PDB file of all heavy atoms in Angstrom:
ATOM      1  N   ILE A   1      36.051-144.710 105.068  1.00  0.00           N
ATOM      2  CA  ILE A   1      35.334-145.564 106.019  1.00  0.00           C
ATOM      3  C   ILE A   1      34.901-144.699 107.214  1.00  0.00           C
ATOM      4  O   ILE A   1      35.634-143.836 107.660  1.00  0.00           O
ATOM      5  CB  ILE A   1      36.246-146.712 106.521  1.00  0.00           C
ATOM      6  CG1 ILE A   1      36.715-147.549 105.343  1.00  0.00           C
ATOM      7  CG2 ILE A   1      35.508-147.568 107.558  1.00  0.00           C
ATOM      8  CD1 ILE A   1      37.740-148.615 105.723  1.00  0.00           C
ATOM      9  N   ARG A   2      33.720-144.938 107.697  1.00  0.00           N
ATOM     10  CA  ARG A   2      33.151-144.220 108.851  1.00  0.00           C
ATOM     11  C   ARG A   2      32.951-145.187 110.014  1.00  0.00           C
ATOM     12  O   ARG A   2      32.467-146.291 109.863  1.00  0.00           O
ATOM     13  CB  ARG A   2      31.818-143.535 108.475  1.00  0.00           C
ATOM     14  CG  ARG A   2      31.939-142.518 107.357  1.00  0.00           C
ATOM     15  CD  ARG A   2      30.598-142.041 106.886  1.00  0.00           C
ATOM     16  NE  ARG A   2      30.685-141.079 105.792  1.00  0.00           N
ATOM     17  CZ  ARG A   2      30.811-141.461 104.530  1.00  0.00           C
ATOM     18  NH1 ARG A   2      30.834-142.736 104.206  1.00  0.00           N
ATOM     19  NH2 ARG A   2      30.898-140.527 103.559  1.00  0.00           N
ATOM     20  N   CYS A   3      33.299-144.724 111.200  1.00  0.00           N
ATOM     21  CA  CYS A   3      33.127-145.544 112.390  1.00  0.00           C
ATOM     22  C   CYS A   3      33.190-144.584 113.571  1.00  0.00           C
ATOM     23  O   CYS A   3      33.560-143.407 113.471  1.00  0.00           O
ATOM     24  CB  CYS A   3      34.164-146.656 112.489  1.00  0.00           C
ATOM     25  SG  CYS A   3      35.823-146.038 112.799  1.00  0.00           S
ATOM     26  N   THR A   4      32.850-145.107 114.736  1.00  0.00           N
ATOM     27  CA  THR A   4      32.963-144.324 115.984  1.00  0.00           C
ATOM     28  C   THR A   4      34.433-144.271 116.406  1.00  0.00           C
ATOM     29  O   THR A   4      35.251-145.124 115.970  1.00  0.00           O
ATOM     30  CB  THR A   4      32.126-144.928 117.068  1.00  0.00           C
ATOM     31  OG1 THR A   4      32.614-146.233 117.426  1.00  0.00           O
ATOM     32  CG2 THR A   4      30.655-145.021 116.662  1.00  0.00           C
ATOM     33  N   ILE A   5      34.761-143.294 117.245  1.00  0.00           N
ATOM     34  CA  ILE A   5      36.136-143.219 117.763  1.00  0.00           C
ATOM     35  C   ILE A   5      36.502-144.436 118.562  1.00  0.00           C
ATOM     36  O   ILE A   5      37.621-144.945 118.537  1.00  0.00           O
ATOM     37  CB  ILE A   5      36.274-141.929 118.600  1.00  0.00           C
ATOM     38  CG1 ILE A   5      36.100-140.694 117.684  1.00  0.00           C
ATOM     39  CG2 ILE A   5      37.641-141.899 119.289  1.00  0.00           C
ATOM     40  CD1 ILE A   5      36.186-139.376 118.426  1.00  0.00           C
ATOM     41  N   GLU A   6      35.526-144.986 119.257  1.00  0.00           N
ATOM     42  CA  GLU A   6      35.756-146.226 120.049  1.00  0.00           C
ATOM     43  C   GLU A   6      36.143-147.369 119.141  1.00  0.00           C
ATOM     44  O   GLU A   6      37.064-148.132 119.421  1.00  0.00           O
ATOM     45  CB  GLU A   6      34.508-146.556 120.857  1.00  0.00           C
ATOM     46  CG  GLU A   6      34.680-147.765 121.781  1.00  0.00           C
ATOM     47  CD  GLU A   6      33.425-148.071 122.553  1.00  0.00           C
ATOM     48  OE1 GLU A   6      32.345-147.648 122.144  1.00  0.00           O
ATOM     49  OE2 GLU A   6      33.555-148.728 123.637  1.00  0.00           O
ATOM     50  N   GLU A   7      35.416-147.504 117.992  1.00  0.00           N
ATOM     51  CA  GLU A   7      35.735-148.574 117.052  1.00  0.00           C
ATOM     52  C   GLU A   7      37.083-148.311 116.413  1.00  0.00           C
ATOM     53  O   GLU A   7      37.877-149.289 116.173  1.00  0.00           O
ATOM     54  CB  GLU A   7      34.662-148.649 115.969  1.00  0.00           C
ATOM     55  CG  GLU A   7      33.313-149.151 116.456  1.00  0.00           C
ATOM     56  CD  GLU A   7      32.256-149.054 115.394  1.00  0.00           C
ATOM     57  OE1 GLU A   7      32.272-148.070 114.608  1.00  0.00           O
ATOM     58  OE2 GLU A   7      31.376-149.937 115.371  1.00  0.00           O
ATOM     59  N   LEU A   8      37.401-147.059 116.133  1.00  0.00           N
ATOM     60  CA  LEU A   8      38.700-146.732 115.511  1.00  0.00           C
ATOM     61  C   LEU A   8      39.844-147.138 116.427  1.00  0.00           C
ATOM     62  O   LEU A   8      40.856-147.717 115.970  1.00  0.00           O
ATOM     63  CB  LEU A   8      38.740-145.247 115.204  1.00  0.00           C
ATOM     64  CG  LEU A   8      39.951-144.757 114.386  1.00  0.00           C
ATOM     65  CD1 LEU A   8      39.964-145.396 113.016  1.00  0.00           C
ATOM     66  CD2 LEU A   8      39.917-143.219 114.289  1.00  0.00           C
ATOM     67  N   ILE A   9      39.713-146.891 117.714  1.00  0.00           N
ATOM     68  CA  ILE A   9      40.741-147.246 118.658  1.00  0.00           C
ATOM     69  C   ILE A   9      40.850-148.772 118.761  1.00  0.00           C
ATOM     70  O   ILE A   9      41.971-149.322 118.885  1.00  0.00           O
ATOM     71  CB  ILE A   9      40.441-146.605 120.049  1.00  0.00           C
ATOM     72  CG1 ILE A   9      40.613-145.097 119.956  1.00  0.00           C
ATOM     73  CG2 ILE A   9      41.373-147.175 121.125  1.00  0.00           C
ATOM     74  CD1 ILE A   9      40.214-144.364 121.218  1.00  0.00           C
ATOM     75  N   SER A  10      39.722-149.473 118.721  1.00  0.00           N
ATOM     76  CA  SER A  10      39.774-150.939 118.816  1.00  0.00           C
ATOM     77  C   SER A  10      40.440-151.579 117.610  1.00  0.00           C
ATOM     78  O   SER A  10      41.075-152.609 117.697  1.00  0.00           O
ATOM     79  CB  SER A  10      38.358-151.491 118.978  1.00  0.00           C
ATOM     80  OG  SER A  10      37.583-151.310 117.798  1.00  0.00           O
ATOM     81  N   ARG A  11      40.336-150.885 116.449  1.00  0.00           N
ATOM     82  CA  ARG A  11      40.991-151.396 115.245  1.00  0.00           C
ATOM     83  C   ARG A  11      42.476-151.080 115.224  1.00  0.00           C
ATOM     84  O   ARG A  11      43.280-151.834 114.631  1.00  0.00           O
ATOM     85  CB  ARG A  11      40.319-150.787 113.993  1.00  0.00           C
ATOM     86  CG  ARG A  11      38.859-151.231 113.816  1.00  0.00           C
ATOM     87  CD  ARG A  11      38.217-150.516 112.663  1.00  0.00           C
ATOM     88  NE  ARG A  11      36.775-150.823 112.594  1.00  0.00           N
ATOM     89  CZ  ARG A  11      35.934-150.335 111.680  1.00  0.00           C
ATOM     90  NH1 ARG A  11      36.404-149.491 110.747  1.00  0.00           N
ATOM     91  NH2 ARG A  11      34.668-150.665 111.707  1.00  0.00           N
ATOM     92  N   PHE A  12      42.853-149.972 115.842  1.00  0.00           N
ATOM     93  CA  PHE A  12      44.254-149.539 115.844  1.00  0.00           C
ATOM     94  C   PHE A  12      44.658-149.212 117.309  1.00  0.00           C
ATOM     95  O   PHE A  12      44.864-148.046 117.630  1.00  0.00           O
ATOM     96  CB  PHE A  12      44.460-148.355 114.928  1.00  0.00           C
ATOM     97  CG  PHE A  12      43.965-148.549 113.540  1.00  0.00           C
ATOM     98  CD1 PHE A  12      42.725-148.011 113.148  1.00  0.00           C
ATOM     99  CD2 PHE A  12      44.687-149.291 112.623  1.00  0.00           C
ATOM    100  CE1 PHE A  12      42.226-148.221 111.869  1.00  0.00           C
ATOM    101  CE2 PHE A  12      44.205-149.463 111.331  1.00  0.00           C
ATOM    102  CZ  PHE A  12      42.976-148.950 110.949  1.00  0.00           C
ATOM    103  N   PRO A  13      44.757-150.214 118.139  1.00  0.00           N
ATOM    104  CA  PRO A  13      45.010-149.949 119.597  1.00  0.00           C
ATOM    105  C   PRO A  13      46.369-149.288 119.849  1.00  0.00           C
ATOM    106  O   PRO A  13      46.540-148.606 120.845  1.00  0.00           O
ATOM    107  CB  PRO A  13      44.914-151.348 120.210  1.00  0.00           C
ATOM    108  CG  PRO A  13      45.143-152.298 119.063  1.00  0.00           C
ATOM    109  CD  PRO A  13      44.584-151.661 117.858  1.00  0.00           C
ATOM    110  N   LYS A  14      47.343-149.542 118.975  1.00  0.00           N
ATOM    111  CA  LYS A  14      48.670-148.955 119.183  1.00  0.00           C
ATOM    112  C   LYS A  14      48.673-147.436 118.989  1.00  0.00           C
ATOM    113  O   LYS A  14      49.581-146.745 119.435  1.00  0.00           O
ATOM    114  CB  LYS A  14      49.687-149.581 118.254  1.00  0.00           C
ATOM    115  CG  LYS A  14      49.929-151.067 118.496  1.00  0.00           C
ATOM    116  CD  LYS A  14      50.957-151.615 117.497  1.00  0.00           C
ATOM    117  CE  LYS A  14      51.183-153.115 117.739  1.00  0.00           C
ATOM    118  NZ  LYS A  14      52.155-153.679 116.783  1.00  0.00           N
ATOM    119  N   LYS A  15      47.609-146.930 118.342  1.00  0.00           N
ATOM    120  CA  LYS A  15      47.544-145.500 118.044  1.00  0.00           C
ATOM    121  C   LYS A  15      46.527-144.807 118.938  1.00  0.00           C
ATOM    122  O   LYS A  15      46.036-143.723 118.621  1.00  0.00           O
ATOM    123  CB  LYS A  15      47.172-145.290 116.590  1.00  0.00           C
ATOM    124  CG  LYS A  15      48.258-145.712 115.616  1.00  0.00           C
ATOM    125  CD  LYS A  15      49.424-144.784 115.618  1.00  0.00           C
ATOM    126  CE  LYS A  15      50.499-145.162 114.598  1.00  0.00           C
ATOM    127  NZ  LYS A  15      51.556-144.171 114.531  1.00  0.00           N
ATOM    128  N   GLU A  16      46.148-145.419 120.045  1.00  0.00           N
ATOM    129  CA  GLU A  16      45.095-144.870 120.878  1.00  0.00           C
ATOM    130  C   GLU A  16      45.408-143.459 121.351  1.00  0.00           C
ATOM    131  O   GLU A  16      44.583-142.529 121.284  1.00  0.00           O
ATOM    132  CB  GLU A  16      44.853-145.763 122.095  1.00  0.00           C
ATOM    133  CG  GLU A  16      43.774-145.246 123.041  1.00  0.00           C
ATOM    134  CD  GLU A  16      43.472-146.200 124.166  1.00  0.00           C
ATOM    135  OE1 GLU A  16      44.108-147.276 124.269  1.00  0.00           O
ATOM    136  OE2 GLU A  16      42.573-145.846 125.035  1.00  0.00           O
ATOM    137  N   ALA A  17      46.630-143.225 121.818  1.00  0.00           N
ATOM    138  CA  ALA A  17      46.973-141.934 122.343  1.00  0.00           C
ATOM    139  C   ALA A  17      46.930-140.857 121.248  1.00  0.00           C
ATOM    140  O   ALA A  17      46.432-139.761 121.435  1.00  0.00           O
ATOM    141  CB  ALA A  17      48.379-141.976 122.966  1.00  0.00           C
ATOM    142  N   GLU A  18      47.435-141.194 120.083  1.00  0.00           N
ATOM    143  CA  GLU A  18      47.436-140.240 118.961  1.00  0.00           C
ATOM    144  C   GLU A  18      46.043-139.967 118.463  1.00  0.00           C
ATOM    145  O   GLU A  18      45.712-138.845 118.055  1.00  0.00           O
ATOM    146  CB  GLU A  18      48.338-140.772 117.840  1.00  0.00           C
ATOM    147  CG  GLU A  18      49.798-140.854 118.220  1.00  0.00           C
ATOM    148  CD  GLU A  18      50.664-141.377 117.088  1.00  0.00           C
ATOM    149  OE1 GLU A  18      50.631-140.759 115.999  1.00  0.00           O
ATOM    150  OE2 GLU A  18      51.300-142.428 117.277  1.00  0.00           O
ATOM    151  N   ILE A  19      45.164-140.986 118.448  1.00  0.00           N
ATOM    152  CA  ILE A  19      43.796-140.788 118.012  1.00  0.00           C
ATOM    153  C   ILE A  19      43.066-139.872 118.955  1.00  0.00           C
ATOM    154  O   ILE A  19      42.373-138.955 118.550  1.00  0.00           O
ATOM    155  CB  ILE A  19      43.074-142.170 117.908  1.00  0.00           C
ATOM    156  CG1 ILE A  19      43.669-143.005 116.771  1.00  0.00           C
ATOM    157  CG2 ILE A  19      41.543-141.970 117.722  1.00  0.00           C
ATOM    158  CD1 ILE A  19      43.140-144.402 116.729  1.00  0.00           C
ATOM    159  N   LYS A  20      43.233-140.104 120.254  1.00  0.00           N
ATOM    160  CA  LYS A  20      42.561-139.221 121.260  1.00  0.00           C
ATOM    161  C   LYS A  20      43.078-137.802 121.160  1.00  0.00           C
ATOM    162  O   LYS A  20      42.310-136.846 121.291  1.00  0.00           O
ATOM    163  CB  LYS A  20      42.762-139.776 122.644  1.00  0.00           C
ATOM    164  CG  LYS A  20      41.979-141.055 122.920  1.00  0.00           C
ATOM    165  CD  LYS A  20      42.135-141.505 124.367  1.00  0.00           C
ATOM    166  CE  LYS A  20      41.303-142.756 124.654  1.00  0.00           C
ATOM    167  NZ  LYS A  20      41.436-143.194 126.067  1.00  0.00           N
ATOM    168  N   GLN A  21      44.371-137.666 120.931  1.00  0.00           N
ATOM    169  CA  GLN A  21      44.911-136.314 120.822  1.00  0.00           C
ATOM    170  C   GLN A  21      44.406-135.610 119.565  1.00  0.00           C
ATOM    171  O   GLN A  21      44.086-134.420 119.596  1.00  0.00           O
ATOM    172  CB  GLN A  21      46.444-136.407 120.759  1.00  0.00           C
ATOM    173  CG  GLN A  21      47.114-135.045 120.663  1.00  0.00           C
ATOM    174  CD  GLN A  21      48.629-135.150 120.593  1.00  0.00           C
ATOM    175  OE1 GLN A  21      49.198-136.250 120.640  1.00  0.00           O
ATOM    176  NE2 GLN A  21      49.332-134.018 120.551  1.00  0.00           N
ATOM    177  N   ALA A  22      44.282-136.351 118.437  1.00  0.00           N
ATOM    178  CA  ALA A  22      43.813-135.756 117.176  1.00  0.00           C
ATOM    179  C   ALA A  22      42.369-135.287 117.279  1.00  0.00           C
ATOM    180  O   ALA A  22      42.034-134.220 116.778  1.00  0.00           O
ATOM    181  CB  ALA A  22      43.941-136.792 116.042  1.00  0.00           C
ATOM    182  N   PHE A  23      41.558-136.041 118.042  1.00  0.00           N
ATOM    183  CA  PHE A  23      40.155-135.672 118.141  1.00  0.00           C
ATOM    184  C   PHE A  23      39.833-134.983 119.460  1.00  0.00           C
ATOM    185  O   PHE A  23      38.636-134.892 119.852  1.00  0.00           O
ATOM    186  CB  PHE A  23      39.267-136.914 117.944  1.00  0.00           C
ATOM    187  CG  PHE A  23      39.323-137.490 116.560  1.00  0.00           C
ATOM    188  CD1 PHE A  23      40.070-138.638 116.322  1.00  0.00           C
ATOM    189  CD2 PHE A  23      38.671-136.889 115.503  1.00  0.00           C
ATOM    190  CE1 PHE A  23      40.143-139.181 115.044  1.00  0.00           C
ATOM    191  CE2 PHE A  23      38.754-137.432 114.235  1.00  0.00           C
ATOM    192  CZ  PHE A  23      39.497-138.579 113.998  1.00  0.00           C
ATOM    193  N   SER A  24      40.839-134.510 120.137  1.00  0.00           N
ATOM    194  CA  SER A  24      40.695-133.705 121.387  1.00  0.00           C
ATOM    195  C   SER A  24      39.871-134.453 122.415  1.00  0.00           C
ATOM    196  O   SER A  24      38.923-133.894 123.028  1.00  0.00           O
ATOM    197  CB  SER A  24      40.062-132.344 121.051  1.00  0.00           C
ATOM    198  OG  SER A  24      40.835-131.649 120.120  1.00  0.00           O
TER     199      SER A  24
END
């Protein structure tokens, strides 16, 4: 699945910090 980082965070809000860290 492809989406923007903003959409990814909205789908998995509990993982926001880890998502931002993974994608710098």
